[in-house]
């Protein structure tokens, strides 16, 4: 977001505007749904609009909208490259929930994983390869890989193979969270590891705005 990409609130509003543009909403619904954002969670609105567009066969328009959400301010490209270059030096394995491609140029193309068919496969522990970027919520390169809706989150974090992959990372390595706090699903994995005696009893998390 520091370089111009959309926040979740902007994405939710973008979905409403796109549905209005495509005549899936009338003017009154458009206004009402913008007002609803003050009362409901952003993912509720994103889920609603996403399903509406898929039911209407407008997946290509979703891709266009998500591509718009990934655009950056060209005046900040130099600073962005500098920041990602610094970030790249932090460790050997990188997991991101972002679906944009801003970090991808700092990795070899065959060291970028985002497909659900791979991340959720049996034996995916073998994916742990040094100097690799894992888009654990998918990539803009493939709409079907992206996690945006309630159903998609439930399916992904209900997948035992995927949870085993994250669990192994949390057990074997020290994980630094940059740009966000520890989400509930990660806390759940950490607590499970602790109950099973697979890790130590101490966790330290620090949210850093990079």
N, C-alpha and C. Protein backbone atom coordinates (compact mmCIF):
# COMPACT_ATOMS: atom_id res chain seq x y z
N UNK A 1 0.82 -1.20 0.00
CA UNK A 1 0.00 0.00 0.00
C UNK A 1 0.85 1.26 0.00
N UNK A 2 2.05 1.18 0.57
CA UNK A 2 2.93 2.35 0.60
C UNK A 2 3.27 2.84 -0.80
N UNK A 3 3.15 1.96 -1.79
CA UNK A 3 3.53 2.31 -3.16
C UNK A 3 2.33 2.44 -4.10
N UNK A 4 1.11 2.42 -3.54
CA UNK A 4 -0.06 2.70 -4.36
C UNK A 4 -1.05 1.58 -4.55
N UNK A 5 -0.71 0.36 -4.13
CA UNK A 5 -1.68 -0.73 -4.29
C UNK A 5 -2.86 -0.52 -3.33
N UNK A 6 -3.98 -1.15 -3.63
CA UNK A 6 -5.21 -0.91 -2.88
C UNK A 6 -5.22 -1.57 -1.52
N UNK A 7 -5.92 -0.95 -0.59
CA UNK A 7 -6.23 -1.58 0.69
C UNK A 7 -7.43 -2.50 0.49
N UNK A 8 -7.76 -3.29 1.52
CA UNK A 8 -8.95 -4.15 1.44
C UNK A 8 -10.21 -3.32 1.28
N UNK A 9 -10.24 -2.16 1.93
CA UNK A 9 -11.42 -1.27 1.81
C UNK A 9 -11.56 -0.77 0.38
N UNK A 10 -10.46 -0.39 -0.23
CA UNK A 10 -10.50 0.07 -1.62
C UNK A 10 -10.92 -1.07 -2.55
N UNK A 11 -10.48 -2.28 -2.25
CA UNK A 11 -10.86 -3.43 -3.08
C UNK A 11 -12.36 -3.70 -2.98
N UNK A 12 -12.90 -3.64 -1.75
CA UNK A 12 -14.34 -3.85 -1.57
C UNK A 12 -15.13 -2.79 -2.33
N UNK A 13 -14.72 -1.53 -2.22
CA UNK A 13 -15.38 -0.46 -2.96
C UNK A 13 -15.21 -0.64 -4.47
N UNK A 14 -14.05 -1.13 -4.86
CA UNK A 14 -13.80 -1.39 -6.27
C UNK A 14 -14.73 -2.46 -6.83
N UNK A 15 -14.99 -3.49 -6.03
CA UNK A 15 -15.92 -4.54 -6.45
C UNK A 15 -17.33 -3.98 -6.63
N UNK A 16 -17.75 -3.11 -5.73
CA UNK A 16 -19.08 -2.50 -5.84
C UNK A 16 -19.17 -1.67 -7.12
N UNK A 17 -18.15 -0.86 -7.36
CA UNK A 17 -18.15 -0.02 -8.55
C UNK A 17 -18.12 -0.85 -9.83
N UNK A 18 -17.38 -1.94 -9.81
CA UNK A 18 -17.30 -2.80 -10.99
C UNK A 18 -18.66 -3.46 -11.26
N UNK A 19 -19.33 -3.91 -10.20
CA UNK A 19 -20.64 -4.52 -10.37
C UNK A 19 -21.65 -3.50 -10.90
N UNK A 20 -21.53 -2.26 -10.47
CA UNK A 20 -22.41 -1.20 -10.97
C UNK A 20 -22.11 -0.92 -12.45
N UNK A 21 -20.84 -0.84 -12.77
CA UNK A 21 -20.40 -0.59 -14.15
C UNK A 21 -20.92 -1.69 -15.09
N UNK A 22 -20.97 -2.92 -14.58
CA UNK A 22 -21.42 -4.06 -15.39
C UNK A 22 -22.93 -4.28 -15.32
N UNK A 23 -23.62 -3.34 -14.65
CA UNK A 23 -25.08 -3.36 -14.51
C UNK A 23 -25.59 -4.55 -13.69
N UNK A 24 -24.74 -5.02 -12.79
CA UNK A 24 -25.18 -6.05 -11.85
C UNK A 24 -25.88 -5.40 -10.66
N UNK A 25 -25.58 -4.14 -10.41
CA UNK A 25 -26.24 -3.34 -9.38
C UNK A 25 -26.86 -2.11 -10.05
N UNK A 26 -28.01 -1.68 -9.52
CA UNK A 26 -28.54 -0.39 -9.97
C UNK A 26 -27.99 0.71 -9.06
N UNK A 27 -28.35 1.96 -9.34
CA UNK A 27 -27.79 3.10 -8.61
C UNK A 27 -28.13 3.03 -7.12
N UNK A 28 -29.35 2.61 -6.81
CA UNK A 28 -29.76 2.53 -5.40
C UNK A 28 -28.96 1.45 -4.67
N UNK A 29 -28.80 0.29 -5.31
CA UNK A 29 -28.02 -0.80 -4.69
C UNK A 29 -26.57 -0.37 -4.50
N UNK A 30 -26.05 0.32 -5.49
CA UNK A 30 -24.66 0.80 -5.40
C UNK A 30 -24.47 1.66 -4.14
N UNK A 31 -25.38 2.60 -3.93
CA UNK A 31 -25.30 3.47 -2.76
C UNK A 31 -25.47 2.68 -1.47
N UNK A 32 -26.44 1.78 -1.46
CA UNK A 32 -26.70 0.98 -0.26
C UNK A 32 -25.50 0.13 0.11
N UNK A 33 -24.88 -0.50 -0.89
CA UNK A 33 -23.76 -1.39 -0.60
C UNK A 33 -22.54 -0.61 -0.10
N UNK A 34 -22.33 0.58 -0.62
CA UNK A 34 -21.25 1.42 -0.10
C UNK A 34 -21.52 1.75 1.37
N UNK A 35 -22.78 2.02 1.69
CA UNK A 35 -23.15 2.32 3.09
C UNK A 35 -23.01 1.10 3.97
N UNK A 36 -23.31 -0.09 3.42
CA UNK A 36 -23.22 -1.32 4.20
C UNK A 36 -21.80 -1.58 4.68
N UNK A 37 -20.82 -1.07 3.92
CA UNK A 37 -19.41 -1.32 4.30
C UNK A 37 -19.09 -0.75 5.68
N UNK A 38 -19.90 0.17 6.15
CA UNK A 38 -19.69 0.74 7.48
C UNK A 38 -20.16 -0.21 8.57
N UNK A 39 -20.97 -1.22 8.17
CA UNK A 39 -21.57 -2.11 9.16
C UNK A 39 -21.09 -3.57 9.02
N UNK A 40 -20.63 -3.94 7.86
CA UNK A 40 -20.25 -5.33 7.62
C UNK A 40 -18.75 -5.42 7.37
N UNK A 41 -18.20 -6.62 7.44
CA UNK A 41 -16.78 -6.79 7.19
C UNK A 41 -16.50 -6.67 5.70
N UNK A 42 -15.30 -6.27 5.37
CA UNK A 42 -14.93 -6.08 3.97
C UNK A 42 -15.00 -7.38 3.20
N UNK A 43 -14.60 -8.47 3.84
CA UNK A 43 -14.61 -9.75 3.13
C UNK A 43 -16.03 -10.20 2.80
N UNK A 44 -17.02 -9.78 3.61
CA UNK A 44 -18.41 -10.10 3.29
C UNK A 44 -18.80 -9.48 1.96
N UNK A 45 -18.45 -8.20 1.77
CA UNK A 45 -18.81 -7.51 0.53
C UNK A 45 -18.03 -8.07 -0.65
N UNK A 46 -16.74 -8.34 -0.45
CA UNK A 46 -15.93 -8.91 -1.52
C UNK A 46 -16.49 -10.26 -1.94
N UNK A 47 -16.86 -11.07 -0.96
CA UNK A 47 -17.43 -12.39 -1.25
C UNK A 47 -18.72 -12.26 -2.05
N UNK A 48 -19.59 -11.35 -1.62
CA UNK A 48 -20.88 -11.14 -2.29
C UNK A 48 -20.69 -10.72 -3.74
N UNK A 49 -19.84 -9.72 -3.97
CA UNK A 49 -19.61 -9.21 -5.32
C UNK A 49 -18.88 -10.24 -6.19
N UNK A 50 -17.91 -10.91 -5.61
CA UNK A 50 -17.14 -11.92 -6.34
C UNK A 50 -18.08 -13.00 -6.87
N UNK A 51 -18.95 -13.52 -6.00
CA UNK A 51 -19.87 -14.57 -6.42
C UNK A 51 -20.85 -14.06 -7.48
N UNK A 52 -21.29 -12.82 -7.32
CA UNK A 52 -22.21 -12.21 -8.28
C UNK A 52 -21.58 -12.17 -9.67
N UNK A 53 -20.32 -11.81 -9.73
CA UNK A 53 -19.62 -11.71 -11.01
C UNK A 53 -19.35 -13.08 -11.60
N UNK A 54 -18.99 -14.04 -10.77
CA UNK A 54 -18.73 -15.40 -11.26
C UNK A 54 -20.02 -16.01 -11.81
N UNK A 55 -21.13 -15.82 -11.10
CA UNK A 55 -22.43 -16.34 -11.56
C UNK A 55 -22.83 -15.74 -12.91
N UNK A 56 -22.34 -14.54 -13.18
CA UNK A 56 -22.66 -13.88 -14.45
C UNK A 56 -21.61 -14.14 -15.52
N UNK A 57 -20.67 -15.03 -15.23
CA UNK A 57 -19.64 -15.38 -16.20
C UNK A 57 -18.65 -14.27 -16.47
N UNK A 58 -18.37 -13.45 -15.46
CA UNK A 58 -17.52 -12.27 -15.65
C UNK A 58 -16.17 -12.41 -14.95
N UNK A 59 -15.61 -13.61 -14.98
CA UNK A 59 -14.32 -13.84 -14.34
C UNK A 59 -13.23 -12.93 -14.90
N UNK A 60 -13.29 -12.66 -16.21
CA UNK A 60 -12.27 -11.80 -16.81
C UNK A 60 -12.31 -10.39 -16.24
N UNK A 61 -13.50 -9.93 -15.85
CA UNK A 61 -13.63 -8.61 -15.24
C UNK A 61 -13.05 -8.59 -13.83
N UNK A 62 -13.14 -9.74 -13.14
CA UNK A 62 -12.51 -9.84 -11.81
C UNK A 62 -11.00 -9.71 -11.96
N UNK A 63 -10.46 -10.38 -12.97
CA UNK A 63 -9.02 -10.30 -13.22
C UNK A 63 -8.61 -8.86 -13.49
N UNK A 64 -9.40 -8.15 -14.30
CA UNK A 64 -9.09 -6.75 -14.61
C UNK A 64 -9.11 -5.89 -13.35
N UNK A 65 -10.11 -6.14 -12.50
CA UNK A 65 -10.23 -5.37 -11.25
C UNK A 65 -9.03 -5.64 -10.34
N UNK A 66 -8.66 -6.89 -10.20
CA UNK A 66 -7.52 -7.24 -9.34
C UNK A 66 -6.22 -6.66 -9.91
N UNK A 67 -6.12 -6.64 -11.24
CA UNK A 67 -4.93 -6.04 -11.86
C UNK A 67 -4.86 -4.55 -11.53
N UNK A 68 -6.01 -3.88 -11.54
CA UNK A 68 -6.04 -2.45 -11.16
C UNK A 68 -5.61 -2.26 -9.71
N UNK A 69 -6.00 -3.21 -8.86
CA UNK A 69 -5.68 -3.09 -7.44
C UNK A 69 -4.18 -3.26 -7.17
N UNK A 70 -3.46 -3.82 -8.13
CA UNK A 70 -2.02 -4.07 -7.97
C UNK A 70 -1.16 -2.95 -8.53
N UNK A 71 -1.78 -1.97 -9.17
CA UNK A 71 -1.00 -0.90 -9.79
C UNK A 71 -0.33 -0.02 -8.73
N UNK A 72 0.86 0.42 -9.04
CA UNK A 72 1.62 1.25 -8.11
C UNK A 72 1.81 2.65 -8.69
N UNK A 73 2.25 3.55 -7.82
CA UNK A 73 2.56 4.91 -8.24
C UNK A 73 3.91 4.91 -8.94
N UNK A 74 3.96 5.20 -10.25
CA UNK A 74 5.25 5.14 -10.97
C UNK A 74 6.32 6.07 -10.39
N UNK A 75 5.89 7.11 -9.70
CA UNK A 75 6.86 8.03 -9.10
C UNK A 75 7.61 7.40 -7.94
N UNK A 76 7.06 6.27 -7.44
CA UNK A 76 7.67 5.61 -6.28
C UNK A 76 8.37 4.31 -6.66
N UNK A 77 8.49 4.03 -7.95
CA UNK A 77 9.09 2.77 -8.38
C UNK A 77 10.51 2.58 -7.87
N UNK A 78 11.30 3.65 -7.84
CA UNK A 78 12.66 3.54 -7.36
C UNK A 78 12.71 3.17 -5.89
N UNK A 79 11.88 3.82 -5.07
CA UNK A 79 11.81 3.53 -3.65
C UNK A 79 11.29 2.13 -3.41
N UNK A 80 10.32 1.70 -4.23
CA UNK A 80 9.75 0.37 -4.09
C UNK A 80 10.81 -0.70 -4.36
N UNK A 81 11.55 -0.52 -5.44
CA UNK A 81 12.60 -1.49 -5.78
C UNK A 81 13.64 -1.57 -4.67
N UNK A 82 13.97 -0.42 -4.11
CA UNK A 82 14.94 -0.39 -3.01
C UNK A 82 14.42 -1.14 -1.79
N UNK A 83 13.15 -0.93 -1.46
CA UNK A 83 12.55 -1.58 -0.29
C UNK A 83 12.47 -3.09 -0.46
N UNK A 84 12.03 -3.54 -1.64
CA UNK A 84 11.93 -4.98 -1.87
C UNK A 84 13.32 -5.63 -1.91
N UNK A 85 14.29 -4.89 -2.42
CA UNK A 85 15.66 -5.41 -2.45
C UNK A 85 16.17 -5.64 -1.03
N UNK A 86 15.87 -4.69 -0.13
CA UNK A 86 16.26 -4.84 1.27
C UNK A 86 15.52 -6.01 1.91
N UNK A 87 14.24 -6.12 1.62
CA UNK A 87 13.42 -7.19 2.17
C UNK A 87 13.94 -8.57 1.74
N UNK A 88 14.40 -8.64 0.50
CA UNK A 88 14.87 -9.91 -0.06
C UNK A 88 16.04 -10.48 0.73
N UNK A 89 16.78 -9.62 1.44
CA UNK A 89 17.97 -10.07 2.17
C UNK A 89 17.65 -10.60 3.57
N UNK A 90 16.37 -10.63 3.95
CA UNK A 90 16.00 -11.01 5.31
C UNK A 90 16.17 -12.50 5.60
N UNK A 91 15.98 -13.37 4.62
CA UNK A 91 16.03 -14.80 4.93
C UNK A 91 16.06 -15.66 3.68
N UNK A 92 15.80 -16.94 3.86
CA UNK A 92 15.87 -17.91 2.77
C UNK A 92 14.51 -18.26 2.18
N UNK A 93 13.46 -18.18 2.99
CA UNK A 93 12.12 -18.54 2.55
C UNK A 93 11.19 -17.35 2.76
N UNK A 94 10.34 -17.10 1.79
CA UNK A 94 9.46 -15.94 1.87
C UNK A 94 8.02 -16.36 1.57
N UNK A 95 7.13 -16.09 2.51
CA UNK A 95 5.71 -16.37 2.32
C UNK A 95 4.97 -15.04 2.27
N UNK A 96 4.09 -14.88 1.29
CA UNK A 96 3.30 -13.67 1.21
C UNK A 96 1.84 -14.02 0.96
N UNK A 97 0.94 -13.23 1.55
CA UNK A 97 -0.48 -13.39 1.28
C UNK A 97 -0.90 -12.44 0.15
N UNK A 98 0.01 -11.63 -0.36
CA UNK A 98 -0.30 -10.71 -1.45
C UNK A 98 -0.38 -11.46 -2.78
N UNK A 99 -1.34 -11.07 -3.61
CA UNK A 99 -1.45 -11.71 -4.93
C UNK A 99 -0.77 -10.89 -6.02
N UNK A 100 -0.22 -9.72 -5.68
CA UNK A 100 0.47 -8.92 -6.69
C UNK A 100 1.83 -9.55 -7.02
N UNK A 101 2.47 -9.00 -8.06
CA UNK A 101 3.74 -9.56 -8.55
C UNK A 101 4.94 -8.69 -8.20
N UNK A 102 4.77 -7.78 -7.25
CA UNK A 102 5.81 -6.78 -6.98
C UNK A 102 7.10 -7.38 -6.43
N UNK A 103 6.99 -8.50 -5.72
CA UNK A 103 8.18 -9.13 -5.13
C UNK A 103 8.78 -10.19 -6.07
N UNK A 104 8.00 -10.63 -7.05
CA UNK A 104 8.41 -11.73 -7.92
C UNK A 104 9.73 -11.50 -8.67
N UNK A 105 10.03 -10.29 -9.16
CA UNK A 105 11.27 -10.10 -9.92
C UNK A 105 12.55 -10.38 -9.14
N UNK A 106 12.44 -10.52 -7.82
CA UNK A 106 13.62 -10.76 -7.00
C UNK A 106 13.89 -12.25 -6.79
N UNK A 107 13.14 -13.10 -7.52
CA UNK A 107 13.30 -14.55 -7.42
C UNK A 107 13.34 -15.15 -8.83
N UNK A 108 14.03 -16.27 -8.94
CA UNK A 108 14.01 -17.00 -10.22
C UNK A 108 12.59 -17.49 -10.48
N UNK A 109 12.18 -17.51 -11.73
CA UNK A 109 10.80 -17.87 -12.07
C UNK A 109 10.40 -19.26 -11.57
N UNK A 110 11.37 -20.18 -11.52
CA UNK A 110 11.05 -21.53 -11.05
C UNK A 110 11.14 -21.64 -9.52
N UNK A 111 11.33 -20.49 -8.85
CA UNK A 111 11.34 -20.46 -7.39
C UNK A 111 10.20 -19.60 -6.86
N UNK A 112 9.10 -19.57 -7.62
CA UNK A 112 7.89 -18.87 -7.21
C UNK A 112 6.74 -19.87 -7.24
N UNK A 113 6.13 -20.11 -6.08
CA UNK A 113 5.05 -21.09 -5.97
C UNK A 113 3.75 -20.38 -5.59
N UNK A 114 2.68 -20.68 -6.29
CA UNK A 114 1.39 -20.06 -5.97
C UNK A 114 0.19 -20.97 -6.26
N UNK A 115 0.38 -22.03 -7.00
CA UNK A 115 -0.74 -22.88 -7.40
C UNK A 115 -1.28 -23.69 -6.22
N UNK A 116 -2.59 -23.69 -6.06
CA UNK A 116 -3.21 -24.45 -4.98
C UNK A 116 -2.99 -25.94 -5.16
N UNK A 117 -2.89 -26.38 -6.41
CA UNK A 117 -2.68 -27.80 -6.68
C UNK A 117 -1.34 -28.28 -6.13
N UNK A 118 -0.41 -27.35 -5.93
CA UNK A 118 0.91 -27.67 -5.38
C UNK A 118 0.93 -27.42 -3.88
N UNK A 119 0.48 -26.25 -3.45
CA UNK A 119 0.52 -25.89 -2.03
C UNK A 119 -0.36 -26.80 -1.19
N UNK A 120 -1.40 -27.38 -1.78
CA UNK A 120 -2.33 -28.22 -1.03
C UNK A 120 -2.16 -29.69 -1.35
N UNK A 121 -1.04 -30.05 -1.96
CA UNK A 121 -0.83 -31.43 -2.36
C UNK A 121 -0.19 -32.25 -1.24
N UNK A 122 -0.34 -33.55 -1.32
CA UNK A 122 0.30 -34.45 -0.36
C UNK A 122 1.81 -34.40 -0.55
N UNK A 123 2.54 -34.34 0.56
CA UNK A 123 3.99 -34.31 0.47
C UNK A 123 4.54 -32.96 0.06
N UNK A 124 3.76 -31.90 0.26
CA UNK A 124 4.22 -30.57 -0.17
C UNK A 124 5.34 -30.02 0.71
N UNK A 125 5.71 -30.76 1.77
CA UNK A 125 6.84 -30.31 2.59
C UNK A 125 8.10 -30.20 1.74
N UNK A 126 8.14 -30.99 0.66
CA UNK A 126 9.29 -30.96 -0.22
C UNK A 126 9.41 -29.66 -0.99
N UNK A 127 8.39 -28.81 -0.88
CA UNK A 127 8.42 -27.52 -1.55
C UNK A 127 9.41 -26.55 -0.91
N UNK A 128 9.82 -26.84 0.32
CA UNK A 128 10.68 -25.91 1.04
C UNK A 128 12.06 -25.86 0.40
N UNK A 129 12.19 -24.93 -0.52
CA UNK A 129 13.44 -24.75 -1.23
C UNK A 129 13.96 -23.35 -0.96
N UNK A 130 15.23 -23.24 -0.69
CA UNK A 130 15.81 -21.94 -0.37
C UNK A 130 15.60 -20.94 -1.50
N UNK A 131 15.55 -19.66 -1.12
CA UNK A 131 15.39 -18.57 -2.08
C UNK A 131 14.12 -18.72 -2.92
N UNK A 132 13.04 -19.09 -2.23
CA UNK A 132 11.76 -19.28 -2.90
C UNK A 132 10.70 -18.36 -2.31
N UNK A 133 9.82 -17.85 -3.18
CA UNK A 133 8.70 -17.03 -2.76
C UNK A 133 7.43 -17.85 -2.89
N UNK A 134 6.66 -17.95 -1.79
CA UNK A 134 5.41 -18.70 -1.78
C UNK A 134 4.25 -17.72 -1.65
N UNK A 135 3.43 -17.62 -2.68
CA UNK A 135 2.19 -16.84 -2.62
C UNK A 135 1.13 -17.75 -2.00
N UNK A 136 1.04 -17.76 -0.69
CA UNK A 136 0.19 -18.75 -0.04
C UNK A 136 -1.30 -18.47 -0.20
N UNK A 137 -1.66 -17.28 -0.69
CA UNK A 137 -3.06 -16.98 -1.01
C UNK A 137 -3.24 -16.76 -2.51
N UNK A 138 -2.30 -17.29 -3.29
CA UNK A 138 -2.43 -17.22 -4.73
C UNK A 138 -1.77 -16.02 -5.36
N UNK A 139 -1.81 -16.00 -6.69
CA UNK A 139 -1.15 -14.95 -7.48
C UNK A 139 -2.07 -14.46 -8.57
N UNK A 140 -1.92 -13.20 -8.95
CA UNK A 140 -2.71 -12.60 -10.02
C UNK A 140 -2.49 -13.35 -11.34
N UNK A 141 -1.43 -14.14 -11.41
CA UNK A 141 -1.16 -14.92 -12.62
C UNK A 141 -2.26 -15.94 -12.90
N UNK A 142 -3.01 -16.33 -11.86
CA UNK A 142 -4.04 -17.35 -12.03
C UNK A 142 -5.18 -17.07 -11.06
N UNK A 143 -6.33 -16.63 -11.59
CA UNK A 143 -7.46 -16.24 -10.75
C UNK A 143 -7.87 -17.36 -9.81
N UNK A 144 -7.88 -18.59 -10.29
CA UNK A 144 -8.34 -19.71 -9.46
C UNK A 144 -7.43 -19.99 -8.28
N UNK A 145 -6.25 -19.40 -8.26
CA UNK A 145 -5.33 -19.64 -7.15
C UNK A 145 -5.55 -18.64 -6.01
N UNK A 146 -6.26 -17.53 -6.29
CA UNK A 146 -6.37 -16.43 -5.33
C UNK A 146 -7.44 -16.69 -4.27
N UNK A 147 -7.10 -16.39 -3.02
CA UNK A 147 -8.01 -16.55 -1.88
C UNK A 147 -8.59 -15.18 -1.53
N UNK A 148 -9.91 -15.00 -1.77
CA UNK A 148 -10.55 -13.71 -1.49
C UNK A 148 -11.84 -13.85 -0.69
N UNK A 149 -12.57 -14.94 -0.91
CA UNK A 149 -13.90 -15.07 -0.32
C UNK A 149 -13.90 -15.95 0.92
N UNK A 150 -15.01 -15.91 1.67
CA UNK A 150 -15.14 -16.75 2.86
C UNK A 150 -14.93 -18.23 2.50
N UNK A 151 -15.61 -18.68 1.47
CA UNK A 151 -15.53 -20.09 1.08
C UNK A 151 -14.09 -20.49 0.73
N UNK A 152 -13.40 -19.61 0.04
CA UNK A 152 -12.03 -19.91 -0.36
C UNK A 152 -11.10 -20.00 0.84
N UNK A 153 -11.29 -19.10 1.82
CA UNK A 153 -10.49 -19.16 3.05
C UNK A 153 -10.76 -20.45 3.80
N UNK A 154 -12.02 -20.82 3.94
CA UNK A 154 -12.39 -22.03 4.67
C UNK A 154 -11.81 -23.27 3.99
N UNK A 155 -11.90 -23.29 2.66
CA UNK A 155 -11.38 -24.45 1.93
C UNK A 155 -9.86 -24.55 2.08
N UNK A 156 -9.16 -23.41 1.94
CA UNK A 156 -7.70 -23.43 2.00
C UNK A 156 -7.21 -23.84 3.38
N UNK A 157 -7.76 -23.22 4.44
CA UNK A 157 -7.25 -23.50 5.78
C UNK A 157 -7.91 -24.74 6.40
N UNK A 158 -8.83 -25.34 5.66
CA UNK A 158 -9.37 -26.63 6.08
C UNK A 158 -8.63 -27.78 5.42
N UNK A 159 -7.70 -27.44 4.52
CA UNK A 159 -6.93 -28.46 3.82
C UNK A 159 -5.77 -28.93 4.69
N UNK A 160 -5.76 -30.18 5.05
CA UNK A 160 -4.75 -30.71 5.97
C UNK A 160 -3.34 -30.63 5.40
N UNK A 161 -3.21 -30.85 4.10
CA UNK A 161 -1.88 -30.78 3.48
C UNK A 161 -1.32 -29.37 3.55
N UNK A 162 -2.17 -28.39 3.31
CA UNK A 162 -1.74 -26.99 3.37
C UNK A 162 -1.36 -26.60 4.80
N UNK A 163 -2.18 -27.01 5.76
CA UNK A 163 -1.88 -26.70 7.16
C UNK A 163 -0.58 -27.39 7.59
N UNK A 164 -0.34 -28.60 7.09
CA UNK A 164 0.89 -29.32 7.42
C UNK A 164 2.11 -28.58 6.87
N UNK A 165 1.95 -28.00 5.69
CA UNK A 165 3.03 -27.23 5.07
C UNK A 165 3.38 -26.02 5.94
N UNK A 166 2.35 -25.25 6.34
CA UNK A 166 2.59 -24.08 7.20
C UNK A 166 3.12 -24.51 8.57
N UNK A 167 2.58 -25.60 9.09
CA UNK A 167 3.00 -26.09 10.40
C UNK A 167 4.48 -26.44 10.41
N UNK A 168 4.94 -27.06 9.34
CA UNK A 168 6.35 -27.44 9.28
C UNK A 168 7.23 -26.20 9.28
N UNK A 169 6.80 -25.16 8.57
CA UNK A 169 7.56 -23.91 8.54
C UNK A 169 7.64 -23.30 9.93
N UNK A 170 6.48 -23.26 10.62
CA UNK A 170 6.43 -22.67 11.95
C UNK A 170 7.23 -23.48 12.97
N UNK A 171 7.35 -24.77 12.73
CA UNK A 171 8.07 -25.65 13.65
C UNK A 171 9.59 -25.56 13.45
N UNK A 172 10.02 -25.51 12.20
CA UNK A 172 11.44 -25.59 11.90
C UNK A 172 12.17 -24.25 11.92
N UNK A 173 11.43 -23.16 11.64
CA UNK A 173 12.12 -21.90 11.41
C UNK A 173 11.60 -20.78 12.30
N UNK A 174 12.43 -19.75 12.45
CA UNK A 174 12.00 -18.51 13.08
C UNK A 174 11.32 -17.67 12.00
N UNK A 175 10.09 -17.24 12.29
CA UNK A 175 9.30 -16.51 11.29
C UNK A 175 9.14 -15.05 11.71
N UNK A 176 9.52 -14.15 10.83
CA UNK A 176 9.35 -12.72 11.07
C UNK A 176 8.18 -12.22 10.23
N UNK A 177 7.17 -11.66 10.88
CA UNK A 177 6.02 -11.10 10.17
C UNK A 177 6.28 -9.63 9.89
N UNK A 178 6.22 -9.25 8.63
CA UNK A 178 6.49 -7.86 8.24
C UNK A 178 5.25 -7.31 7.53
N UNK A 179 4.74 -6.20 8.06
CA UNK A 179 3.63 -5.54 7.39
C UNK A 179 2.27 -5.89 7.96
N UNK A 180 2.18 -6.92 8.80
CA UNK A 180 0.90 -7.29 9.39
C UNK A 180 1.15 -8.06 10.68
N UNK A 181 0.09 -8.21 11.47
CA UNK A 181 0.19 -9.01 12.68
C UNK A 181 -0.01 -10.48 12.35
N UNK A 182 -0.13 -11.28 13.38
CA UNK A 182 -0.34 -12.71 13.20
C UNK A 182 -1.85 -12.98 13.13
N UNK A 183 -2.30 -13.48 11.98
CA UNK A 183 -3.72 -13.74 11.80
C UNK A 183 -4.15 -14.93 12.65
N UNK A 184 -5.48 -15.03 12.88
CA UNK A 184 -6.02 -16.09 13.74
C UNK A 184 -5.65 -17.47 13.26
N UNK A 185 -5.66 -17.69 11.92
CA UNK A 185 -5.37 -19.03 11.41
C UNK A 185 -3.92 -19.42 11.68
N UNK A 186 -3.02 -18.42 11.71
CA UNK A 186 -1.62 -18.72 12.05
C UNK A 186 -1.49 -19.01 13.54
N UNK A 187 -2.20 -18.23 14.36
CA UNK A 187 -2.19 -18.48 15.81
C UNK A 187 -2.67 -19.90 16.11
N UNK A 188 -3.69 -20.34 15.37
CA UNK A 188 -4.24 -21.67 15.57
C UNK A 188 -3.19 -22.74 15.29
N UNK A 189 -2.42 -22.55 14.22
CA UNK A 189 -1.36 -23.50 13.89
C UNK A 189 -0.27 -23.49 14.95
N UNK A 190 0.10 -22.31 15.42
CA UNK A 190 1.12 -22.21 16.46
C UNK A 190 0.67 -22.91 17.74
N UNK A 191 -0.59 -22.69 18.13
CA UNK A 191 -1.11 -23.32 19.34
C UNK A 191 -1.15 -24.84 19.18
N UNK A 192 -1.53 -25.30 17.99
CA UNK A 192 -1.57 -26.74 17.74
C UNK A 192 -0.18 -27.35 17.84
N UNK A 193 0.81 -26.68 17.28
CA UNK A 193 2.19 -27.16 17.37
C UNK A 193 2.65 -27.23 18.82
N UNK A 194 2.27 -26.22 19.60
CA UNK A 194 2.65 -26.17 21.00
C UNK A 194 2.03 -27.33 21.78
N UNK A 195 0.72 -27.57 21.54
CA UNK A 195 0.03 -28.68 22.22
C UNK A 195 0.68 -30.02 21.89
N UNK A 196 1.14 -30.15 20.65
CA UNK A 196 1.75 -31.41 20.21
C UNK A 196 3.22 -31.52 20.59
N UNK A 197 3.75 -30.49 21.24
CA UNK A 197 5.15 -30.52 21.65
C UNK A 197 6.11 -30.39 20.50
N UNK A 198 5.63 -29.81 19.37
CA UNK A 198 6.48 -29.70 18.18
C UNK A 198 7.30 -28.43 18.15
N UNK A 199 7.13 -27.56 19.13
CA UNK A 199 7.88 -26.31 19.14
C UNK A 199 8.09 -25.86 20.57
N UNK A 200 8.83 -24.79 20.76
CA UNK A 200 9.06 -24.31 22.12
C UNK A 200 7.83 -23.58 22.63
N UNK A 201 7.89 -23.14 23.87
CA UNK A 201 6.72 -22.53 24.50
C UNK A 201 6.65 -21.02 24.33
N UNK A 202 7.62 -20.46 23.63
CA UNK A 202 7.68 -19.00 23.55
C UNK A 202 7.48 -18.52 22.12
N UNK A 203 6.60 -17.53 21.97
CA UNK A 203 6.38 -16.90 20.67
C UNK A 203 6.57 -15.41 20.83
N UNK A 204 7.23 -14.83 19.86
CA UNK A 204 7.38 -13.37 19.87
C UNK A 204 6.98 -12.87 18.49
N UNK A 205 6.04 -11.94 18.45
CA UNK A 205 5.63 -11.38 17.17
C UNK A 205 5.75 -9.88 17.22
N UNK A 206 6.15 -9.33 16.12
CA UNK A 206 6.30 -7.88 16.04
C UNK A 206 5.75 -7.43 14.68
N UNK A 207 4.74 -6.56 14.70
CA UNK A 207 4.18 -6.05 13.46
C UNK A 207 5.01 -4.86 13.02
N UNK A 208 5.55 -4.94 11.81
CA UNK A 208 6.43 -3.90 11.31
C UNK A 208 5.87 -3.35 10.01
N UNK A 209 5.73 -2.04 9.93
CA UNK A 209 5.32 -1.41 8.69
C UNK A 209 6.57 -1.10 7.89
N UNK A 210 6.78 -1.81 6.82
CA UNK A 210 8.04 -1.69 6.07
C UNK A 210 7.89 -0.64 4.99
